[in-house]
Amino acid sequence: MQTDYVKILAQKTYQEKPVKTLHTFKRQKFHAMSFFMGVATSLLLYGYRCWKAAIV
């Protein structure tokens, strides 16, 4: 109990650097279907915008 208090006090007075912990994250898979659906949607919207601008 006493040593924990001393460590906390040392960290608060900047005599001891705080311990950094390494966080690891689960790597996400590449979702090809979502990627290609996004590309197709953006191409359709861009094409519609260009088509609409050409008419006006």
N, C-alpha and C. Protein backbone atom coordinates (compact mmCIF):
# COMPACT_ATOMS: atom_id res chain seq x y z
N MET A 1 0.83 -1.19 0.00
CA MET A 1 0.00 0.00 0.00
C MET A 1 0.88 1.26 0.00
N GLN A 2 1.91 1.24 0.83
CA GLN A 2 2.78 2.41 0.94
C GLN A 2 3.55 2.63 -0.36
N THR A 3 4.02 1.54 -1.00
CA THR A 3 4.80 1.71 -2.23
C THR A 3 3.92 2.20 -3.38
N ASP A 4 2.66 1.79 -3.42
CA ASP A 4 1.75 2.29 -4.45
C ASP A 4 1.55 3.79 -4.29
N TYR A 5 1.40 4.23 -3.07
CA TYR A 5 1.20 5.66 -2.81
C TYR A 5 2.44 6.44 -3.24
N VAL A 6 3.62 5.91 -2.98
CA VAL A 6 4.85 6.61 -3.35
C VAL A 6 4.98 6.67 -4.87
N LYS A 7 4.63 5.59 -5.56
CA LYS A 7 4.71 5.60 -7.02
C LYS A 7 3.73 6.61 -7.61
N ILE A 8 2.53 6.66 -7.09
CA ILE A 8 1.54 7.62 -7.57
C ILE A 8 2.02 9.04 -7.31
N LEU A 9 2.59 9.26 -6.14
CA LEU A 9 3.10 10.58 -5.81
C LEU A 9 4.26 10.95 -6.72
N ALA A 10 5.13 10.00 -7.03
CA ALA A 10 6.26 10.27 -7.92
C ALA A 10 5.77 10.61 -9.33
N GLN A 11 4.74 9.93 -9.80
CA GLN A 11 4.21 10.23 -11.13
C GLN A 11 3.56 11.61 -11.15
N LYS A 12 2.91 11.97 -10.08
CA LYS A 12 2.25 13.27 -10.03
C LYS A 12 3.25 14.41 -9.97
N THR A 13 4.41 14.17 -9.36
CA THR A 13 5.42 15.23 -9.27
C THR A 13 6.44 15.14 -10.40
N TYR A 14 6.18 14.30 -11.40
CA TYR A 14 7.02 14.16 -12.59
C TYR A 14 8.43 13.67 -12.28
N GLN A 15 8.59 12.95 -11.21
CA GLN A 15 9.90 12.36 -10.91
C GLN A 15 10.04 11.01 -11.62
N GLU A 16 8.94 10.41 -11.94
CA GLU A 16 8.95 9.13 -12.62
C GLU A 16 7.99 9.22 -13.79
N LYS A 17 8.45 8.76 -14.95
CA LYS A 17 7.60 8.83 -16.13
C LYS A 17 6.49 7.79 -16.02
N PRO A 18 5.30 8.12 -16.48
CA PRO A 18 4.21 7.13 -16.45
C PRO A 18 4.50 5.98 -17.41
N VAL A 19 4.07 4.82 -17.05
CA VAL A 19 4.31 3.63 -17.86
C VAL A 19 3.30 3.62 -19.01
N LYS A 20 3.82 3.47 -20.22
CA LYS A 20 2.95 3.42 -21.39
C LYS A 20 2.63 1.96 -21.71
N THR A 21 1.39 1.69 -21.98
CA THR A 21 0.99 0.34 -22.33
C THR A 21 0.71 0.28 -23.82
N LEU A 22 1.03 -0.85 -24.41
CA LEU A 22 0.84 -1.05 -25.83
C LEU A 22 -0.51 -1.71 -26.06
N HIS A 23 -1.34 -1.06 -26.85
CA HIS A 23 -2.65 -1.61 -27.17
C HIS A 23 -2.59 -2.21 -28.56
N THR A 24 -2.99 -3.44 -28.67
CA THR A 24 -3.04 -4.08 -29.98
C THR A 24 -4.49 -4.22 -30.40
N PHE A 25 -4.73 -3.96 -31.66
CA PHE A 25 -6.07 -4.04 -32.21
C PHE A 25 -6.15 -5.17 -33.21
N LYS A 26 -7.31 -5.77 -33.27
CA LYS A 26 -7.53 -6.85 -34.22
C LYS A 26 -7.55 -6.27 -35.63
N ARG A 27 -6.78 -6.87 -36.51
CA ARG A 27 -6.72 -6.38 -37.89
C ARG A 27 -8.00 -6.75 -38.61
N GLN A 28 -8.58 -5.78 -39.30
CA GLN A 28 -9.81 -6.03 -40.02
C GLN A 28 -9.51 -6.53 -41.42
N LYS A 29 -10.36 -7.41 -41.89
CA LYS A 29 -10.21 -7.95 -43.23
C LYS A 29 -10.65 -6.92 -44.26
N PHE A 30 -10.12 -7.03 -45.46
CA PHE A 30 -10.52 -6.18 -46.56
C PHE A 30 -11.81 -6.74 -47.13
N HIS A 31 -12.85 -5.94 -47.14
CA HIS A 31 -14.14 -6.36 -47.66
C HIS A 31 -14.27 -5.88 -49.10
N ALA A 32 -13.99 -6.78 -50.02
CA ALA A 32 -13.98 -6.42 -51.43
C ALA A 32 -15.37 -6.01 -51.90
N MET A 33 -16.39 -6.70 -51.43
CA MET A 33 -17.75 -6.38 -51.87
C MET A 33 -18.13 -4.95 -51.48
N SER A 34 -17.83 -4.56 -50.25
CA SER A 34 -18.14 -3.19 -49.80
C SER A 34 -17.34 -2.17 -50.60
N PHE A 35 -16.08 -2.49 -50.87
CA PHE A 35 -15.24 -1.57 -51.63
C PHE A 35 -15.80 -1.33 -53.02
N PHE A 36 -16.13 -2.43 -53.72
CA PHE A 36 -16.61 -2.29 -55.10
C PHE A 36 -18.01 -1.68 -55.16
N MET A 37 -18.82 -1.93 -54.16
CA MET A 37 -20.14 -1.28 -54.12
C MET A 37 -19.98 0.23 -53.93
N GLY A 38 -19.02 0.64 -53.12
CA GLY A 38 -18.74 2.06 -52.94
C GLY A 38 -18.22 2.70 -54.21
N VAL A 39 -17.35 2.00 -54.92
CA VAL A 39 -16.82 2.53 -56.18
C VAL A 39 -17.94 2.64 -57.20
N ALA A 40 -18.76 1.61 -57.30
CA ALA A 40 -19.87 1.64 -58.27
C ALA A 40 -20.85 2.77 -57.95
N THR A 41 -21.16 2.95 -56.69
CA THR A 41 -22.09 4.02 -56.30
C THR A 41 -21.51 5.39 -56.64
N SER A 42 -20.24 5.58 -56.35
CA SER A 42 -19.64 6.89 -56.65
C SER A 42 -19.56 7.14 -58.15
N LEU A 43 -19.29 6.08 -58.93
CA LEU A 43 -19.27 6.25 -60.39
C LEU A 43 -20.65 6.57 -60.94
N LEU A 44 -21.67 5.91 -60.39
CA LEU A 44 -23.03 6.20 -60.84
C LEU A 44 -23.43 7.63 -60.52
N LEU A 45 -23.11 8.07 -59.31
CA LEU A 45 -23.46 9.44 -58.93
C LEU A 45 -22.69 10.46 -59.76
N TYR A 46 -21.41 10.19 -60.01
CA TYR A 46 -20.61 11.09 -60.82
C TYR A 46 -21.13 11.13 -62.25
N GLY A 47 -21.46 9.97 -62.79
CA GLY A 47 -21.99 9.89 -64.15
C GLY A 47 -23.31 10.60 -64.28
N TYR A 48 -24.17 10.46 -63.27
CA TYR A 48 -25.47 11.15 -63.29
C TYR A 48 -25.27 12.66 -63.23
N ARG A 49 -24.32 13.08 -62.42
CA ARG A 49 -24.06 14.52 -62.30
C ARG A 49 -23.54 15.09 -63.62
N CYS A 50 -22.64 14.37 -64.27
CA CYS A 50 -22.10 14.83 -65.56
C CYS A 50 -23.18 14.81 -66.63
N TRP A 51 -24.03 13.78 -66.62
CA TRP A 51 -25.11 13.67 -67.60
C TRP A 51 -26.11 14.81 -67.41
N LYS A 52 -26.42 15.11 -66.15
CA LYS A 52 -27.37 16.17 -65.86
C LYS A 52 -26.78 17.52 -66.28
N ALA A 53 -25.49 17.71 -66.04
CA ALA A 53 -24.83 18.98 -66.41
C ALA A 53 -24.77 19.13 -67.94
N ALA A 54 -24.66 18.02 -68.67
CA ALA A 54 -24.57 18.09 -70.12
C ALA A 54 -25.90 18.48 -70.73
N ILE A 55 -26.99 18.10 -70.07
CA ILE A 55 -28.32 18.42 -70.59
C ILE A 55 -28.63 19.90 -70.43
N VAL A 56 -28.21 20.47 -69.33
CA VAL A 56 -28.53 21.88 -69.03
C VAL A 56 -27.67 22.83 -69.76
